[in-house]
Amino acid sequence: MRADRLLSLLFLLQTHGRCTAPDLARRLEVSTRTVLRDVEALSAAGVPVWTERGRGGGISLVENWRTDVTGFTTAEARALFSGSSGTGDPQRPAWESAVRKLLAATPATQRAPFARAAERILVEPAGWRSREDRPEHLAPLQEAVFSARRIRLRYRSAGATRVSTRTLDPLGLVAKGGTWYLVAAPTEAGRDWERLFRVDRVAGVDVLDDPVPADLPALPAVWERLREQVERPSKGGVDVRLRVAAADAGMLLRIADAQLLSAPVVQELPSDGDGDERTVEVTATFRALPAARAVLLGLGRLVVVLEPPELVADLVATARDVLATYEPG
């Protein structure tokens, strides 16, 4: 552990130049005293590191001194090539270490654009108000994918009350819209098709010693096919036409987005007078009538449903049921 920390300290000094001891302590997640001890250890090992006290002082390397020790560990290489840099990702520390090594190996004259990109671009894969930064069982699934080993998965499907257990050959992991998915193929005889499993529905996972078959299909092609299956419009869609204030249309579309089968059509309606609020007509296809009800009923009087009549009747009946439930007495 100390050897890794000494290398990290060396790369930080090589990348950023002069740094204060408290700043290095924060980056390395150790105490200032530990940083000073590590500086002494580097100096004793022949690294030309020196400290300057007082205002504007700090710790730095002798000018133009560089080291070629930039080899990646297995964990760093995995994190770098898989792009695992999101907050809460178990590979985040390895990714940060790999980036430090890359910056340290980059000549100082070419380093500024890369450093500026790291400072000015932030990728946050989780959605707003996410209940957790990452699924509980993401780390062992990543290990199974990287080591190409079979898994025993305990999984609760959507709407199911019981957990099922199955043995799978993992092809890979995909992060889409802040949600992690496992792409895997069941190993049972006669079942060679691939499936999607939401990682946040995994109840447990055991990484087995058995290797996955060498002839598994490539992840990008399988993901493309599975994604098309999920996004393909179903026959049970409900075409809805509604009226909403132009100012509220954006909110409506954001709320309804996950329940729509295709892009909605928005058309501005003519105004009846100079002081009237602008309104738009939205035509959209919802996945099913219950999905449309769940979205539109919660918006109350902000939205007026024009078609279909069965949705209007359903909204009226549901609203009456809610009123009867909460009415005094």
Foldseek 3Di string as FASTA:
>chain_A
DLVLLLVLLQLCQLQPPFDALVVSCVVSVHDSVVSVVSQVVCVVVPFQKDWDDDPPTGIHGDPPDADPPLDADPLLVVCCVVVPCAPPGPSNVSVVSNVSSVSSPDPPVPNVVVVVCVVPDDDHQADPPDPDSDAPCPVVVVVCQVVQFKKWWFFADPPRPHTDIFIWRWQDWDRDSSWIWTWTWGPDPPGGAIDIGTRNRTPDMDTDPHGHDPPDDHPVVNVVVRVCVVLAQDPAKDKWKKKAFPVCVVVLCVQLVVFFNDDKDKAWDDDPDDPDGTMIMIITIGNHLVSVLVSVLVVPPRMGTDDDVVSVVVSVVVVVVVCVVPPDD
